[in-house]
Amino acid sequence: QWLGINDLLGGWWFWLGNQGWEYLEIGRFWQILLAAGLFFWFWLVLRA
């Protein structure tokens, strides 16, 4: 997000930097990892 705000990511700002939408500023790549992590967390809860 720091790199994206400062226009240092070029065309990758949306994926690796700052999407720009309030509360959902996290870049799309990190967003995918976060969603995957939450589903992984649910699987850990399920098996426990």
All heavy atoms as atom14 arrays in JSON, in Angstrom:
{
  "sequence": "QWLGINDLLGGWWFWLGNQGWEYLEIGRFWQILLAAGLFFWFWLVLRA",
  "atom14_mask": [
    [1, 1, 1, 1, 1, 1, 1, 1, 1, 0, 0, 0, 0, 0],
    [1, 1, 1, 1, 1, 1, 1, 1, 1, 1, 1, 1, 1, 1],
    [1, 1, 1, 1, 1, 1, 1, 1, 0, 0, 0, 0, 0, 0],
    [1, 1, 1, 1, 0, 0, 0, 0, 0, 0, 0, 0, 0, 0],
    [1, 1, 1, 1, 1, 1, 1, 1, 0, 0, 0, 0, 0, 0],
    [1, 1, 1, 1, 1, 1, 1, 1, 0, 0, 0, 0, 0, 0],
    [1, 1, 1, 1, 1, 1, 1, 1, 0, 0, 0, 0, 0, 0],
    [1, 1, 1, 1, 1, 1, 1, 1, 0, 0, 0, 0, 0, 0],
    [1, 1, 1, 1, 1, 1, 1, 1, 0, 0, 0, 0, 0, 0],
    [1, 1, 1, 1, 0, 0, 0, 0, 0, 0, 0, 0, 0, 0],
    [1, 1, 1, 1, 0, 0, 0, 0, 0, 0, 0, 0, 0, 0],
    [1, 1, 1, 1, 1, 1, 1, 1, 1, 1, 1, 1, 1, 1],
    [1, 1, 1, 1, 1, 1, 1, 1, 1, 1, 1, 1, 1, 1],
    [1, 1, 1, 1, 1, 1, 1, 1, 1, 1, 1, 0, 0, 0],
    [1, 1, 1, 1, 1, 1, 1, 1, 1, 1, 1, 1, 1, 1],
    [1, 1, 1, 1, 1, 1, 1, 1, 0, 0, 0, 0, 0, 0],
    [1, 1, 1, 1, 0, 0, 0, 0, 0, 0, 0, 0, 0, 0],
    [1, 1, 1, 1, 1, 1, 1, 1, 0, 0, 0, 0, 0, 0],
    [1, 1, 1, 1, 1, 1, 1, 1, 1, 0, 0, 0, 0, 0],
    [1, 1, 1, 1, 0, 0, 0, 0, 0, 0, 0, 0, 0, 0],
    [1, 1, 1, 1, 1, 1, 1, 1, 1, 1, 1, 1, 1, 1],
    [1, 1, 1, 1, 1, 1, 1, 1, 1, 0, 0, 0, 0, 0],
    [1, 1, 1, 1, 1, 1, 1, 1, 1, 1, 1, 1, 0, 0],
    [1, 1, 1, 1, 1, 1, 1, 1, 0, 0, 0, 0, 0, 0],
    [1, 1, 1, 1, 1, 1, 1, 1, 1, 0, 0, 0, 0, 0],
    [1, 1, 1, 1, 1, 1, 1, 1, 0, 0, 0, 0, 0, 0],
    [1, 1, 1, 1, 0, 0, 0, 0, 0, 0, 0, 0, 0, 0],
    [1, 1, 1, 1, 1, 1, 1, 1, 1, 1, 1, 0, 0, 0],
    [1, 1, 1, 1, 1, 1, 1, 1, 1, 1, 1, 0, 0, 0],
    [1, 1, 1, 1, 1, 1, 1, 1, 1, 1, 1, 1, 1, 1],
    [1, 1, 1, 1, 1, 1, 1, 1, 1, 0, 0, 0, 0, 0],
    [1, 1, 1, 1, 1, 1, 1, 1, 0, 0, 0, 0, 0, 0],
    [1, 1, 1, 1, 1, 1, 1, 1, 0, 0, 0, 0, 0, 0],
    [1, 1, 1, 1, 1, 1, 1, 1, 0, 0, 0, 0, 0, 0],
    [1, 1, 1, 1, 1, 0, 0, 0, 0, 0, 0, 0, 0, 0],
    [1, 1, 1, 1, 1, 0, 0, 0, 0, 0, 0, 0, 0, 0],
    [1, 1, 1, 1, 0, 0, 0, 0, 0, 0, 0, 0, 0, 0],
    [1, 1, 1, 1, 1, 1, 1, 1, 0, 0, 0, 0, 0, 0],
    [1, 1, 1, 1, 1, 1, 1, 1, 1, 1, 1, 0, 0, 0],
    [1, 1, 1, 1, 1, 1, 1, 1, 1, 1, 1, 0, 0, 0],
    [1, 1, 1, 1, 1, 1, 1, 1, 1, 1, 1, 1, 1, 1],
    [1, 1, 1, 1, 1, 1, 1, 1, 1, 1, 1, 0, 0, 0],
    [1, 1, 1, 1, 1, 1, 1, 1, 1, 1, 1, 1, 1, 1],
    [1, 1, 1, 1, 1, 1, 1, 1, 0, 0, 0, 0, 0, 0],
    [1, 1, 1, 1, 1, 1, 1, 0, 0, 0, 0, 0, 0, 0],
    [1, 1, 1, 1, 1, 1, 1, 1, 0, 0, 0, 0, 0, 0],
    [1, 1, 1, 1, 1, 1, 1, 1, 1, 1, 1, 0, 0, 0],
    [1, 1, 1, 1, 1, 0, 0, 0, 0, 0, 0, 0, 0, 0]
  ],
  "atom14_positions": [
    [[0.83, -1.21, 0.0], [0.0, 0.0, 0.0], [0.86, 1.26, 0.0], [0.52, 2.25, -0.65], [-0.94, -0.04, 1.21], [-2.08, -1.03, 1.03], [-2.67, -1.53, 2.33], [-2.23, -1.14, 3.42], [-3.66, -2.39, 2.25], [0.0, 0.0, 0.0], [0.0, 0.0, 0.0], [0.0, 0.0, 0.0], [0.0, 0.0, 0.0], [0.0, 0.0, 0.0]],
    [[1.97, 1.22, 0.72], [2.89, 2.37, 0.71], [3.48, 2.57, -0.68], [3.54, 3.69, -1.19], [4.0, 2.15, 1.73], [5.01, 3.25, 1.77], [4.87, 4.48, 2.34], [6.32, 3.23, 1.18], [6.02, 5.23, 2.15], [6.92, 4.49, 1.44], [7.04, 2.27, 0.47], [8.2, 4.8, 1.01], [8.32, 2.58, 0.05], [8.89, 3.83, 0.31]],
    [[3.88, 1.47, -1.33], [4.44, 1.56, -2.67], [3.39, 2.02, -3.68], [3.67, 2.83, -4.57], [5.02, 0.21, -3.09], [6.22, -0.3, -2.3], [6.56, -1.74, -2.68], [7.43, 0.6, -2.53], [0.0, 0.0, 0.0], [0.0, 0.0, 0.0], [0.0, 0.0, 0.0], [0.0, 0.0, 0.0], [0.0, 0.0, 0.0], [0.0, 0.0, 0.0]],
    [[2.16, 1.5, -3.53], [1.1, 1.86, -4.47], [0.71, 3.32, -4.37], [0.53, 4.0, -5.39], [0.0, 0.0, 0.0], [0.0, 0.0, 0.0], [0.0, 0.0, 0.0], [0.0, 0.0, 0.0], [0.0, 0.0, 0.0], [0.0, 0.0, 0.0], [0.0, 0.0, 0.0], [0.0, 0.0, 0.0], [0.0, 0.0, 0.0], [0.0, 0.0, 0.0]],
    [[0.56, 3.83, -3.16], [0.21, 5.25, -2.96], [1.25, 6.16, -3.6], [0.93, 7.22, -4.15], [0.08, 5.54, -1.45], [-1.21, 4.96, -0.91], [0.13, 7.05, -1.18], [-2.46, 5.66, -1.35], [0.0, 0.0, 0.0], [0.0, 0.0, 0.0], [0.0, 0.0, 0.0], [0.0, 0.0, 0.0], [0.0, 0.0, 0.0], [0.0, 0.0, 0.0]],
    [[2.51, 5.75, -3.52], [3.59, 6.56, -4.08], [3.85, 6.27, -5.56], [4.87, 6.71, -6.1], [4.88, 6.34, -3.27], [4.82, 6.99, -1.9], [5.01, 8.19, -1.76], [4.54, 6.19, -0.87], [0.0, 0.0, 0.0], [0.0, 0.0, 0.0], [0.0, 0.0, 0.0], [0.0, 0.0, 0.0], [0.0, 0.0, 0.0], [0.0, 0.0, 0.0]],
    [[2.95, 5.53, -6.2], [3.01, 5.25, -7.63], [4.33, 4.58, -8.02], [4.94, 4.9, -9.04], [2.82, 6.54, -8.43], [2.4, 6.27, -9.88], [1.95, 5.15, -10.16], [2.55, 7.18, -10.72], [0.0, 0.0, 0.0], [0.0, 0.0, 0.0], [0.0, 0.0, 0.0], [0.0, 0.0, 0.0], [0.0, 0.0, 0.0], [0.0, 0.0, 0.0]],
    [[4.77, 3.62, -7.2], [6.03, 2.93, -7.44], [5.83, 1.51, -7.98], [6.8, 0.77, -8.16], [6.85, 2.85, -6.14], [7.27, 4.21, -5.54], [7.98, 4.0, -4.21], [8.16, 4.97, -6.52], [0.0, 0.0, 0.0], [0.0, 0.0, 0.0], [0.0, 0.0, 0.0], [0.0, 0.0, 0.0], [0.0, 0.0, 0.0], [0.0, 0.0, 0.0]],
    [[4.58, 1.12, -8.22], [4.31, -0.23, -8.7], [3.83, -0.26, -10.14], [3.55, -1.34, -10.67], [3.25, -0.89, -7.8], [3.68, -1.19, -6.37], [2.5, -1.73, -5.57], [4.83, -2.19, -6.34], [0.0, 0.0, 0.0], [0.0, 0.0, 0.0], [0.0, 0.0, 0.0], [0.0, 0.0, 0.0], [0.0, 0.0, 0.0], [0.0, 0.0, 0.0]],
    [[3.73, 0.9, -10.78], [3.29, 0.94, -12.17], [1.91, 0.35, -12.33], [0.99, 0.63, -11.56], [0.0, 0.0, 0.0], [0.0, 0.0, 0.0], [0.0, 0.0, 0.0], [0.0, 0.0, 0.0], [0.0, 0.0, 0.0], [0.0, 0.0, 0.0], [0.0, 0.0, 0.0], [0.0, 0.0, 0.0], [0.0, 0.0, 0.0], [0.0, 0.0, 0.0]],
    [[1.76, -0.52, -13.31], [0.47, -1.14, -13.58], [0.07, -2.2, -12.58], [-1.05, -2.72, -12.65], [0.0, 0.0, 0.0], [0.0, 0.0, 0.0], [0.0, 0.0, 0.0], [0.0, 0.0, 0.0], [0.0, 0.0, 0.0], [0.0, 0.0, 0.0], [0.0, 0.0, 0.0], [0.0, 0.0, 0.0], [0.0, 0.0, 0.0], [0.0, 0.0, 0.0]],
    [[0.96, -2.52, -11.64], [0.66, -3.55, -10.65], [0.03, -2.98, -9.38], [-0.13, -3.68, -8.39], [1.93, -4.31, -10.27], [2.44, -5.17, -11.38], [3.36, -4.85, -12.34], [2.03, -6.51, -11.67], [3.56, -5.89, -13.21], [2.76, -6.93, -12.82], [1.13, -7.4, -11.08], [2.6, -8.2, -13.37], [0.98, -8.67, -11.63], [1.71, -9.04, -12.76]],
    [[-0.31, -1.7, -9.37], [-0.82, -1.06, -8.15], [-2.06, -1.76, -7.6], [-2.22, -1.9, -6.38], [-1.12, 0.42, -8.41], [-2.19, 0.68, -9.43], [-2.03, 0.81, -10.77], [-3.6, 0.82, -9.18], [-3.23, 1.03, -11.39], [-4.22, 1.05, -10.44], [-4.39, 0.79, -8.04], [-5.6, 1.23, -10.57], [-5.77, 0.97, -8.17], [-6.35, 1.19, -9.41]],
    [[-2.94, -2.23, -8.49], [-4.18, -2.85, -8.04], [-3.92, -4.23, -7.43], [-4.58, -4.62, -6.47], [-5.16, -2.97, -9.22], [-6.51, -3.52, -8.85], [-7.48, -2.7, -8.3], [-6.8, -4.86, -9.04], [-8.73, -3.21, -7.96], [-8.05, -5.38, -8.71], [-9.02, -4.55, -8.16], [0.0, 0.0, 0.0], [0.0, 0.0, 0.0], [0.0, 0.0, 0.0]],
    [[-2.95, -4.96, -7.96], [-2.7, -6.33, -7.51], [-1.78, -6.4, -6.3], [-2.02, -7.19, -5.38], [-2.11, -7.15, -8.66], [-3.16, -7.57, -9.63], [-3.58, -6.89, -10.74], [-3.97, -8.75, -9.56], [-4.6, -7.57, -11.35], [-4.86, -8.72, -10.66], [-4.03, -9.83, -8.69], [-5.78, -9.73, -10.9], [-4.95, -10.83, -8.92], [-5.81, -10.78, -10.01]],
    [[-0.75, -5.6, -6.28], [0.24, -5.7, -5.21], [0.2, -4.53, -4.23], [0.79, -4.62, -3.15], [1.65, -5.8, -5.8], [1.93, -7.01, -6.69], [3.34, -6.94, -7.25], [1.72, -8.31, -5.92], [0.0, 0.0, 0.0], [0.0, 0.0, 0.0], [0.0, 0.0, 0.0], [0.0, 0.0, 0.0], [0.0, 0.0, 0.0], [0.0, 0.0, 0.0]],
    [[-0.47, -3.45, -4.62], [-0.44, -2.25, -3.78], [-1.75, -1.97, -3.09], [-2.17, -2.69, -2.18], [0.0, 0.0, 0.0], [0.0, 0.0, 0.0], [0.0, 0.0, 0.0], [0.0, 0.0, 0.0], [0.0, 0.0, 0.0], [0.0, 0.0, 0.0], [0.0, 0.0, 0.0], [0.0, 0.0, 0.0], [0.0, 0.0, 0.0], [0.0, 0.0, 0.0]],
    [[-2.43, -0.95, -3.57], [-3.62, -0.44, -2.91], [-4.78, -0.44, -3.9], [-4.78, 0.32, -4.86], [-3.33, 0.99, -2.4], [-4.59, 1.75, -2.08], [-5.45, 1.25, -1.37], [-4.7, 2.96, -2.6], [0.0, 0.0, 0.0], [0.0, 0.0, 0.0], [0.0, 0.0, 0.0], [0.0, 0.0, 0.0], [0.0, 0.0, 0.0], [0.0, 0.0, 0.0]],
    [[-5.78, -1.3, -3.67], [-6.94, -1.31, -4.55], [-7.69, 0.03, -4.51], [-8.32, 0.41, -5.49], [-7.92, -2.41, -4.13], [-7.5, -3.81, -4.53], [-8.65, -4.79, -4.36], [-9.76, -4.54, -4.79], [-8.36, -5.9, -3.71], [0.0, 0.0, 0.0], [0.0, 0.0, 0.0], [0.0, 0.0, 0.0], [0.0, 0.0, 0.0], [0.0, 0.0, 0.0]],
    [[-7.64, 0.7, -3.38], [-8.24, 2.02, -3.3], [-9.62, 2.09, -2.72], [-10.08, 3.17, -2.35], [0.0, 0.0, 0.0], [0.0, 0.0, 0.0], [0.0, 0.0, 0.0], [0.0, 0.0, 0.0], [0.0, 0.0, 0.0], [0.0, 0.0, 0.0], [0.0, 0.0, 0.0], [0.0, 0.0, 0.0], [0.0, 0.0, 0.0], [0.0, 0.0, 0.0]],
    [[-10.33, 0.96, -2.64], [-11.69, 0.97, -2.09], [-11.62, 0.97, -0.57], [-10.96, 0.13, 0.03], [-12.47, -0.25, -2.58], [-12.63, -0.32, -4.06], [-12.03, -1.2, -4.91], [-13.43, 0.54, -4.88], [-12.41, -0.96, -6.2], [-13.28, 0.11, -6.22], [-14.27, 1.63, -4.61], [-13.92, 0.73, -7.27], [-14.91, 2.24, -5.67], [-14.74, 1.79, -6.99]],
    [[-12.33, 1.9, 0.07], [-12.28, 2.04, 1.53], [-12.62, 0.71, 2.21], [-13.59, 0.05, 1.85], [-13.26, 3.12, 1.98], [-13.16, 3.43, 3.46], [-14.31, 4.3, 3.95], [-15.39, 4.24, 3.32], [-14.14, 5.01, 4.94], [0.0, 0.0, 0.0], [0.0, 0.0, 0.0], [0.0, 0.0, 0.0], [0.0, 0.0, 0.0], [0.0, 0.0, 0.0]],
    [[-11.82, 0.34, 3.2], [-11.89, -0.91, 3.95], [-11.35, -2.1, 3.17], [-11.02, -3.13, 3.77], [-13.31, -1.23, 4.44], [-13.86, -0.24, 5.42], [-14.87, 0.64, 5.05], [-13.37, -0.17, 6.72], [-15.37, 1.57, 5.95], [-13.86, 0.75, 7.62], [-14.87, 1.61, 7.24], [-15.36, 2.53, 8.13], [0.0, 0.0, 0.0], [0.0, 0.0, 0.0]],
    [[-11.3, -2.0, 1.86], [-10.79, -3.1, 1.04], [-9.6, -2.62, 0.23], [-9.44, -2.96, -0.94], [-11.9, -3.62, 0.11], [-13.1, -4.22, 0.83], [-14.21, -4.55, -0.16], [-12.7, -5.47, 1.6], [0.0, 0.0, 0.0], [0.0, 0.0, 0.0], [0.0, 0.0, 0.0], [0.0, 0.0, 0.0], [0.0, 0.0, 0.0], [0.0, 0.0, 0.0]],
    [[-8.75, -1.81, 0.88], [-7.6, -1.25, 0.18], [-6.55, -2.31, -0.15], [-5.74, -2.13, -1.06], [-6.95, -0.16, 1.04], [-7.81, 1.07, 1.24], [-8.68, 1.01, 2.49], [-8.78, -0.1, 3.06], [-9.23, 2.03, 2.87], [0.0, 0.0, 0.0], [0.0, 0.0, 0.0], [0.0, 0.0, 0.0], [0.0, 0.0, 0.0], [0.0, 0.0, 0.0]],
    [[-6.55, -3.41, 0.56], [-5.54, -4.46, 0.39], [-5.48, -4.9, -1.07], [-6.49, -5.12, -1.72], [-5.87, -5.65, 1.32], [-4.81, -6.74, 1.21], [-7.25, -6.2, 1.03], [-4.98, -7.84, 2.24], [0.0, 0.0, 0.0], [0.0, 0.0, 0.0], [0.0, 0.0, 0.0], [0.0, 0.0, 0.0], [0.0, 0.0, 0.0], [0.0, 0.0, 0.0]],
    [[-4.25, -5.01, -1.62], [-4.06, -5.41, -3.01], [-4.69, -6.76, -3.3], [-4.78, -7.63, -2.42], [0.0, 0.0, 0.0], [0.0, 0.0, 0.0], [0.0, 0.0, 0.0], [0.0, 0.0, 0.0], [0.0, 0.0, 0.0], [0.0, 0.0, 0.0], [0.0, 0.0, 0.0], [0.0, 0.0, 0.0], [0.0, 0.0, 0.0], [0.0, 0.0, 0.0]],
    [[-5.13, -6.97, -4.52], [-5.87, -8.18, -4.88], [-5.06, -9.45, -4.63], [-5.62, -10.47, -4.18], [-6.31, -8.08, -6.35], [-7.14, -9.25, -6.87], [-8.38, -9.52, -6.07], [-9.29, -8.4, -5.93], [-10.28, -8.11, -6.79], [-10.46, -8.84, -7.87], [-11.08, -7.1, -6.55], [0.0, 0.0, 0.0], [0.0, 0.0, 0.0], [0.0, 0.0, 0.0]],
    [[-3.75, -9.44, -4.87], [-2.93, -10.61, -4.61], [-2.95, -10.96, -3.13], [-3.15, -12.13, -2.75], [-1.49, -10.36, -5.07], [-0.51, -11.43, -4.65], [-0.52, -12.67, -5.27], [0.4, -11.2, -3.63], [0.38, -13.66, -4.88], [1.3, -12.18, -3.23], [1.29, -13.41, -3.86], [0.0, 0.0, 0.0], [0.0, 0.0, 0.0], [0.0, 0.0, 0.0]],
    [[-2.77, -9.95, -2.26], [-2.79, -10.19, -0.82], [-4.19, -10.58, -0.37], [-4.36, -11.36, 0.59], [-2.31, -8.95, -0.08], [-0.98, -8.46, -0.56], [-0.73, -7.33, -1.29], [0.29, -9.11, -0.38], [0.6, -7.23, -1.56], [1.26, -8.3, -1.01], [0.69, -10.27, 0.26], [2.61, -8.63, -1.03], [2.04, -10.61, 0.25], [2.98, -9.79, -0.39]],
    [[-5.17, -10.07, -1.06], [-6.56, -10.39, -0.74], [-6.84, -11.88, -0.99], [-7.52, -12.54, -0.19], [-7.47, -9.53, -1.61], [-8.89, -9.39, -1.12], [-9.65, -8.39, -1.96], [-9.67, -8.47, -3.19], [-10.29, -7.43, -1.31], [0.0, 0.0, 0.0], [0.0, 0.0, 0.0], [0.0, 0.0, 0.0], [0.0, 0.0, 0.0], [0.0, 0.0, 0.0]],
    [[-6.32, -12.38, -2.08], [-6.47, -13.81, -2.39], [-5.81, -14.66, -1.32], [-6.36, -15.66, -0.84], [-5.9, -14.13, -3.78], [-6.73, -13.45, -4.87], [-5.84, -15.63, -4.02], [-6.13, -13.54, -6.26], [0.0, 0.0, 0.0], [0.0, 0.0, 0.0], [0.0, 0.0, 0.0], [0.0, 0.0, 0.0], [0.0, 0.0, 0.0], [0.0, 0.0, 0.0]],
    [[-4.61, -14.27, -0.91], [-3.9, -15.01, 0.14], [-4.68, -14.95, 1.46], [-4.75, -15.95, 2.19], [-2.49, -14.44, 0.34], [-1.5, -14.63, -0.81], [-0.13, -14.08, -0.43], [-1.38, -16.1, -1.18], [0.0, 0.0, 0.0], [0.0, 0.0, 0.0], [0.0, 0.0, 0.0], [0.0, 0.0, 0.0], [0.0, 0.0, 0.0], [0.0, 0.0, 0.0]],
    [[-5.25, -13.79, 1.76], [-6.02, -13.66, 3.0], [-7.24, -14.57, 2.98], [-7.53, -15.26, 3.98], [-6.44, -12.2, 3.19], [-7.32, -11.9, 4.41], [-6.58, -12.26, 5.7], [-7.74, -10.43, 4.43], [0.0, 0.0, 0.0], [0.0, 0.0, 0.0], [0.0, 0.0, 0.0], [0.0, 0.0, 0.0], [0.0, 0.0, 0.0], [0.0, 0.0, 0.0]],
    [[-7.97, -14.59, 1.88], [-9.14, -15.46, 1.77], [-8.74, -16.93, 1.89], [-9.4, -17.72, 2.58], [-9.87, -15.21, 0.45], [0.0, 0.0, 0.0], [0.0, 0.0, 0.0], [0.0, 0.0, 0.0], [0.0, 0.0, 0.0], [0.0, 0.0, 0.0], [0.0, 0.0, 0.0], [0.0, 0.0, 0.0], [0.0, 0.0, 0.0], [0.0, 0.0, 0.0]],
    [[-7.64, -17.3, 1.22], [-7.16, -18.68, 1.32], [-6.78, -19.02, 2.76], [-7.06, -20.12, 3.25], [-5.96, -18.88, 0.39], [0.0, 0.0, 0.0], [0.0, 0.0, 0.0], [0.0, 0.0, 0.0], [0.0, 0.0, 0.0], [0.0, 0.0, 0.0], [0.0, 0.0, 0.0], [0.0, 0.0, 0.0], [0.0, 0.0, 0.0], [0.0, 0.0, 0.0]],
    [[-6.15, -18.07, 3.45], [-5.78, -18.29, 4.84], [-6.98, -18.47, 5.74], [-6.97, -19.3, 6.66], [0.0, 0.0, 0.0], [0.0, 0.0, 0.0], [0.0, 0.0, 0.0], [0.0, 0.0, 0.0], [0.0, 0.0, 0.0], [0.0, 0.0, 0.0], [0.0, 0.0, 0.0], [0.0, 0.0, 0.0], [0.0, 0.0, 0.0], [0.0, 0.0, 0.0]],
    [[-8.06, -17.72, 5.48], [-9.27, -17.87, 6.29], [-9.94, -19.23, 6.06], [-10.45, -19.84, 7.01], [-10.24, -16.73, 5.96], [-9.84, -15.34, 6.47], [-10.8, -14.28, 5.95], [-9.78, -15.3, 7.99], [0.0, 0.0, 0.0], [0.0, 0.0, 0.0], [0.0, 0.0, 0.0], [0.0, 0.0, 0.0], [0.0, 0.0, 0.0], [0.0, 0.0, 0.0]],
    [[-9.94, -19.7, 4.83], [-10.49, -21.04, 4.57], [-9.61, -22.12, 5.2], [-10.11, -23.13, 5.71], [-10.66, -21.27, 3.07], [-11.91, -20.68, 2.5], [-11.86, -19.57, 1.67], [-13.15, -21.22, 2.79], [-13.02, -19.01, 1.14], [-14.32, -20.67, 2.27], [-14.25, -19.56, 1.44], [0.0, 0.0, 0.0], [0.0, 0.0, 0.0], [0.0, 0.0, 0.0]],
    [[-8.3, -21.9, 5.17], [-7.37, -22.83, 5.83], [-7.64, -22.84, 7.34], [-7.64, -23.9, 7.98], [-5.93, -22.41, 5.54], [-4.9, -23.31, 6.17], [-4.81, -24.64, 5.84], [-4.0, -22.79, 7.1], [-3.85, -25.46, 6.42], [-3.04, -23.59, 7.69], [-2.96, -24.93, 7.34], [0.0, 0.0, 0.0], [0.0, 0.0, 0.0], [0.0, 0.0, 0.0]],
    [[-7.87, -21.66, 7.9], [-8.21, -21.56, 9.33], [-9.5, -22.34, 9.62], [-9.58, -23.06, 10.64], [-8.38, -20.09, 9.7], [-9.12, -19.84, 10.96], [-8.68, -20.05, 12.24], [-10.46, -19.33, 11.09], [-9.65, -19.69, 13.15], [-10.75, -19.24, 12.48], [-11.42, -18.91, 10.18], [-11.97, -18.78, 12.95], [-12.63, -18.44, 10.65], [-12.89, -18.38, 12.02]],
    [[-10.5, -22.21, 8.77], [-11.75, -22.95, 8.99], [-11.49, -24.46, 8.98], [-12.05, -25.21, 9.8], [-12.78, -22.59, 7.93], [-14.0, -23.48, 7.97], [-14.94, -23.34, 8.97], [-14.18, -24.47, 7.01], [-16.06, -24.16, 9.03], [-15.29, -25.31, 7.07], [-16.23, -25.15, 8.08], [0.0, 0.0, 0.0], [0.0, 0.0, 0.0], [0.0, 0.0, 0.0]],
    [[-10.63, -24.91, 8.08], [-10.3, -26.34, 8.03], [-9.63, -26.78, 9.32], [-9.91, -27.88, 9.84], [-9.41, -26.62, 6.82], [-8.96, -28.05, 6.73], [-9.74, -29.14, 6.43], [-7.65, -28.55, 6.96], [-8.99, -30.28, 6.45], [-7.7, -29.95, 6.77], [-6.43, -27.96, 7.29], [-6.57, -30.76, 6.93], [-5.31, -28.76, 7.43], [-5.37, -30.14, 7.26]],
    [[-8.76, -25.96, 9.88], [-8.11, -26.29, 11.15], [-9.15, -26.38, 12.27], [-9.07, -27.27, 13.13], [-7.06, -25.24, 11.5], [-5.84, -25.16, 10.59], [-4.89, -24.05, 11.06], [-5.11, -26.49, 10.54], [0.0, 0.0, 0.0], [0.0, 0.0, 0.0], [0.0, 0.0, 0.0], [0.0, 0.0, 0.0], [0.0, 0.0, 0.0], [0.0, 0.0, 0.0]],
    [[-10.11, -25.46, 12.27], [-11.18, -25.5, 13.27], [-12.01, -26.76, 13.09], [-12.35, -27.45, 14.06], [-12.05, -24.24, 13.16], [-13.32, -24.37, 14.01], [-11.27, -23.0, 13.59], [0.0, 0.0, 0.0], [0.0, 0.0, 0.0], [0.0, 0.0, 0.0], [0.0, 0.0, 0.0], [0.0, 0.0, 0.0], [0.0, 0.0, 0.0], [0.0, 0.0, 0.0]],
    [[-12.34, -27.07, 11.84], [-13.17, -28.24, 11.53], [-12.53, -29.53, 12.02], [-13.18, -30.36, 12.68], [-13.42, -28.3, 10.03], [-14.19, -29.52, 9.5], [-15.6, -29.54, 10.08], [-14.23, -29.5, 7.97], [0.0, 0.0, 0.0], [0.0, 0.0, 0.0], [0.0, 0.0, 0.0], [0.0, 0.0, 0.0], [0.0, 0.0, 0.0], [0.0, 0.0, 0.0]],
    [[-11.25, -29.72, 11.73], [-10.58, -30.97, 12.14], [-10.41, -31.04, 13.66], [-10.38, -32.13, 14.23], [-9.24, -31.12, 11.42], [-8.17, -30.16, 11.84], [-7.03, -30.11, 10.81], [-6.4, -31.39, 10.59], [-5.29, -31.8, 11.22], [-4.72, -31.01, 12.11], [-4.77, -32.98, 10.96], [0.0, 0.0, 0.0], [0.0, 0.0, 0.0], [0.0, 0.0, 0.0]],
    [[-10.32, -29.88, 14.32], [-10.15, -29.89, 15.77], [-11.43, -30.26, 16.5], [-11.4, -30.94, 17.54], [-9.64, -28.53, 16.24], [0.0, 0.0, 0.0], [0.0, 0.0, 0.0], [0.0, 0.0, 0.0], [0.0, 0.0, 0.0], [0.0, 0.0, 0.0], [0.0, 0.0, 0.0], [0.0, 0.0, 0.0], [0.0, 0.0, 0.0], [0.0, 0.0, 0.0]]
  ]
}
